[in-house]
Amino acid sequence: MSEALPGLFVSFEGIDGSGKSTQARRLADTLRAAGRDVVLTREPGGSPGAEEIRRLVLEGDPDRWSAETEILLFTAARRDHLERTILPALAAGQVVICDRFADSTRVYQGVSRGDLRATVDRLHSLMIGREPDLTVLIDMDPAQGLSRALGRQGSEERFESFGEGLQQKMRAAFLSLAGEFPDRFRVIDGGRGIDAVADDVLATVTTALA
């Protein structure tokens, strides 16, 4: 499943409230204005079946699922997303911009909610078998990010409700992944103005497209 395809696969990662979703949308709009064929998608979700699973895992009581069950749900959603959205777009030469991918599962379920990284990696190897070409990590102070996330007052706050301590663990885990996979990770300071962050994101992705 990891054969080379003509498109470019870019993922955005970061803790809750880091601004990654805003930056993913900004990048998609900018690339489209420049004439690029772009698919903007998200995880969990990005296909009808995966969006149904999204509602299961992001809404409701924080203790609704065990970490092990979450890993299975996220992997099922990712497989459907990959088959129905990501791989066809890459095969068509499109730029796929994804708000979260497997690195989020490595962090949320594999590190922050138990020592389950090996389980996550085994399932990923078995059922997904693909990493993004480029991963943009929007790095953010956990207190600032959590304040932003809770300020949204949406229904998908199951993970935010675990509190700042979890966000601190997740930030450290994301930065650790950036060190583990330096070829595809680019870390961008998300604590600045939206325009300044967007400029850095665009420069990073333009280099990858070249």
Protein backbone atom coordinates (compact mmCIF):
# COMPACT_ATOMS: atom_id res chain seq x y z
CA MET A 1 0.00 0.00 0.00
CA SER A 2 3.00 2.32 0.29
CA GLU A 3 3.66 2.59 -3.45
CA ALA A 4 4.64 6.03 -4.74
CA LEU A 5 1.67 8.08 -5.99
CA PRO A 6 1.86 11.35 -7.92
CA GLY A 7 0.08 13.53 -5.33
CA LEU A 8 1.43 15.04 -2.09
CA PHE A 9 0.09 13.92 1.31
CA VAL A 10 0.41 16.58 4.04
CA SER A 11 -0.81 16.05 7.60
CA PHE A 12 -1.24 18.66 10.33
CA GLU A 13 -0.66 17.65 13.94
CA GLY A 14 -0.71 19.39 17.31
CA ILE A 15 -2.43 19.50 20.66
CA ASP A 16 -6.02 20.66 21.01
CA GLY A 17 -6.33 24.38 20.30
CA SER A 18 -2.97 24.64 18.55
CA GLY A 19 -4.55 26.20 15.47
CA LYS A 20 -3.71 23.33 13.16
CA SER A 21 -7.25 23.11 11.71
CA THR A 22 -7.20 26.82 10.88
CA GLN A 23 -3.78 26.48 9.28
CA ALA A 24 -4.86 23.44 7.26
CA ARG A 25 -7.81 25.42 5.87
CA ARG A 26 -5.62 28.45 5.14
CA LEU A 27 -3.11 26.31 3.29
CA ALA A 28 -5.82 24.63 1.23
CA ASP A 29 -7.30 27.99 0.24
CA THR A 30 -3.90 29.42 -0.69
CA LEU A 31 -2.89 26.41 -2.80
CA ARG A 32 -6.25 26.37 -4.58
CA ALA A 33 -5.88 30.07 -5.38
CA ALA A 34 -2.50 29.20 -6.92
CA GLY A 35 -4.13 26.61 -9.16
CA ARG A 36 -3.41 23.43 -7.17
CA ASP A 37 -5.98 20.63 -6.98
CA VAL A 38 -6.46 20.17 -3.22
CA VAL A 39 -8.43 17.77 -1.03
CA LEU A 40 -8.90 19.06 2.53
CA THR A 41 -9.87 16.29 4.92
CA ARG A 42 -9.68 15.35 8.60
CA GLU A 43 -9.34 12.54 11.10
CA PRO A 44 -11.18 10.86 12.53
CA GLY A 45 -13.45 11.29 9.53
CA GLY A 46 -12.88 12.20 5.92
CA SER A 47 -15.25 9.56 4.49
CA PRO A 48 -18.88 8.76 5.34
CA GLY A 49 -18.04 5.66 7.37
CA ALA A 50 -15.19 7.34 9.18
CA GLU A 51 -17.38 10.34 10.05
CA GLU A 52 -19.80 7.97 11.77
CA ILE A 53 -16.94 6.59 13.86
CA ARG A 54 -15.85 10.18 14.63
CA ARG A 55 -19.12 10.79 16.43
CA LEU A 56 -18.60 7.64 18.48
CA VAL A 57 -15.12 8.59 19.72
CA LEU A 58 -15.25 12.39 20.12
CA GLU A 59 -18.60 12.87 21.83
CA GLY A 60 -19.88 11.72 25.19
CA ASP A 61 -18.33 10.77 28.52
CA PRO A 62 -14.50 10.94 28.74
CA ASP A 63 -14.46 7.35 30.02
CA ARG A 64 -16.80 6.05 27.34
CA TRP A 65 -14.10 3.90 25.69
CA SER A 66 -10.93 2.29 26.91
CA ALA A 67 -7.71 3.30 25.17
CA GLU A 68 -7.55 -0.14 23.54
CA THR A 69 -11.05 0.19 22.10
CA GLU A 70 -10.24 3.68 20.83
CA ILE A 71 -7.22 2.36 18.94
CA LEU A 72 -9.43 -0.12 17.10
CA LEU A 73 -12.06 2.51 16.31
CA PHE A 74 -9.52 5.03 15.04
CA THR A 75 -7.78 2.39 12.93
CA ALA A 76 -11.08 1.35 11.36
CA ALA A 77 -11.90 4.97 10.58
CA ARG A 78 -8.42 5.56 9.13
CA ARG A 79 -8.61 2.51 6.89
CA ASP A 80 -11.93 3.64 5.41
CA HIS A 81 -10.59 7.19 5.00
CA LEU A 82 -7.46 5.91 3.26
CA GLU A 83 -9.37 3.66 0.85
CA ARG A 84 -12.15 6.06 -0.07
CA THR A 85 -10.53 9.51 0.08
CA ILE A 86 -6.76 9.72 0.48
CA LEU A 87 -5.41 7.09 -1.94
CA PRO A 88 -7.75 7.98 -4.84
CA ALA A 89 -6.82 11.66 -4.47
CA LEU A 90 -3.09 10.93 -4.41
CA ALA A 91 -3.44 8.66 -7.43
CA ALA A 92 -5.11 11.56 -9.25
CA GLY A 93 -2.15 13.81 -8.45
CA GLN A 94 -3.98 15.96 -5.91
CA VAL A 95 -2.55 17.58 -2.78
CA VAL A 96 -4.18 15.93 0.25
CA ILE A 97 -4.19 18.09 3.39
CA CYS A 98 -5.30 16.09 6.41
CA ASP A 99 -6.14 17.54 9.84
CA ARG A 100 -4.58 14.77 11.97
CA PHE A 101 -3.45 11.31 10.87
CA ALA A 102 -1.73 8.33 12.52
CA ASP A 103 0.60 10.46 14.66
CA SER A 104 -2.42 11.62 16.66
CA THR A 105 -3.27 8.02 17.49
CA ARG A 106 0.36 7.36 18.47
CA VAL A 107 0.11 10.29 20.88
CA TYR A 108 -3.46 10.18 22.21
CA GLN A 109 -3.91 6.44 22.61
CA GLY A 110 -0.33 5.22 22.36
CA VAL A 111 1.34 7.53 24.86
CA SER A 112 -1.05 9.77 26.74
CA ARG A 113 -3.67 7.21 27.76
CA GLY A 114 -1.44 4.23 28.40
CA ASP A 115 1.76 2.66 27.16
CA LEU A 116 0.16 1.35 23.96
CA ARG A 117 2.46 2.76 21.28
CA ALA A 118 3.59 -0.72 20.19
CA THR A 119 -0.04 -1.75 19.70
CA VAL A 120 -0.75 1.36 17.66
CA ASP A 121 2.29 0.74 15.46
CA ARG A 122 1.43 -2.92 14.87
CA LEU A 123 -2.11 -2.06 13.80
CA HIS A 124 -0.84 0.77 11.63
CA SER A 125 1.62 -1.50 9.87
CA LEU A 126 -1.02 -4.17 9.34
CA MET A 127 -3.99 -2.05 8.25
CA ILE A 128 -2.67 1.35 7.06
CA GLY A 129 0.93 1.02 5.90
CA ARG A 130 1.36 4.63 4.83
CA GLU A 131 2.73 7.82 6.38
CA PRO A 132 2.23 11.37 5.12
CA ASP A 133 4.90 12.79 2.81
CA LEU A 134 5.07 15.82 5.12
CA THR A 135 3.79 16.35 8.66
CA VAL A 136 3.41 19.93 9.91
CA LEU A 137 3.44 20.05 13.71
CA ILE A 138 1.94 23.27 15.05
CA ASP A 139 3.59 23.53 18.46
CA MET A 140 1.67 25.34 21.18
CA ASP A 141 1.89 25.97 24.93
CA PRO A 142 -0.63 23.55 26.50
CA ALA A 143 -2.33 26.15 28.71
CA GLN A 144 -2.86 28.47 25.75
CA GLY A 145 -4.05 25.64 23.54
CA LEU A 146 -6.51 24.25 26.07
CA SER A 147 -7.96 27.70 26.67
CA ARG A 148 -8.54 28.06 22.94
CA ALA A 149 -10.01 24.56 22.60
CA LEU A 150 -12.48 24.90 25.46
CA GLY A 151 -13.46 28.35 24.20
CA ARG A 152 -14.92 26.76 21.09
CA GLN A 153 -17.80 25.31 23.18
CA GLY A 154 -18.50 22.54 20.69
CA SER A 155 -19.76 19.03 21.30
CA GLU A 156 -16.44 17.34 20.46
CA GLU A 157 -14.60 18.06 23.70
CA ARG A 158 -14.15 14.56 25.06
CA PHE A 159 -10.34 14.73 24.96
CA GLU A 160 -10.10 18.38 26.04
CA SER A 161 -12.03 17.42 29.18
CA PHE A 162 -9.09 15.31 30.37
CA GLY A 163 -7.38 18.60 31.30
CA GLU A 164 -4.08 20.45 30.93
CA GLY A 165 -1.95 17.61 32.30
CA LEU A 166 -2.89 15.43 29.35
CA GLN A 167 -2.21 18.29 26.93
CA GLN A 168 1.30 18.67 28.40
CA LYS A 169 1.99 14.97 27.89
CA MET A 170 0.69 15.17 24.34
CA ARG A 171 2.85 18.15 23.46
CA ALA A 172 5.94 16.31 24.68
CA ALA A 173 4.89 13.21 22.74
CA PHE A 174 4.36 15.14 19.50
CA LEU A 175 7.79 16.76 19.83
CA SER A 176 9.28 13.33 20.50
CA LEU A 177 7.70 12.02 17.29
CA ALA A 178 9.18 14.96 15.39
CA GLY A 179 12.58 13.83 16.62
CA GLU A 180 11.83 10.20 15.73
CA PHE A 181 10.72 11.03 12.16
CA PRO A 182 12.79 14.09 11.19
CA ASP A 183 12.53 13.45 7.45
CA ARG A 184 8.80 14.18 7.33
CA PHE A 185 8.16 16.37 10.41
CA ARG A 186 8.45 20.16 10.38
CA VAL A 187 7.80 21.95 13.70
CA ILE A 188 6.25 25.42 13.49
CA ASP A 189 5.71 27.77 16.44
CA GLY A 190 1.94 28.16 16.77
CA GLY A 191 2.09 30.75 19.56
CA ARG A 192 2.31 33.65 17.10
CA GLY A 193 -0.26 35.43 14.96
CA ILE A 194 -2.23 33.36 12.44
CA ASP A 195 -0.67 35.11 9.44
CA ALA A 196 2.90 34.55 10.63
CA VAL A 197 2.21 30.86 11.21
CA ALA A 198 0.50 30.57 7.82
CA ASP A 199 3.52 32.11 6.08
CA ASP A 200 5.81 29.50 7.64
CA VAL A 201 3.41 26.69 6.75
CA LEU A 202 3.19 27.80 3.13
CA ALA A 203 6.97 28.08 2.81
CA THR A 204 7.38 24.58 4.23
CA VAL A 205 4.80 23.01 1.93
CA THR A 206 6.02 24.92 -1.13
CA THR A 207 9.46 23.39 -0.58
CA ALA A 208 7.90 19.92 -0.45
CA LEU A 209 5.90 20.54 -3.64
CA ALA A 210 9.06 21.64 -5.44
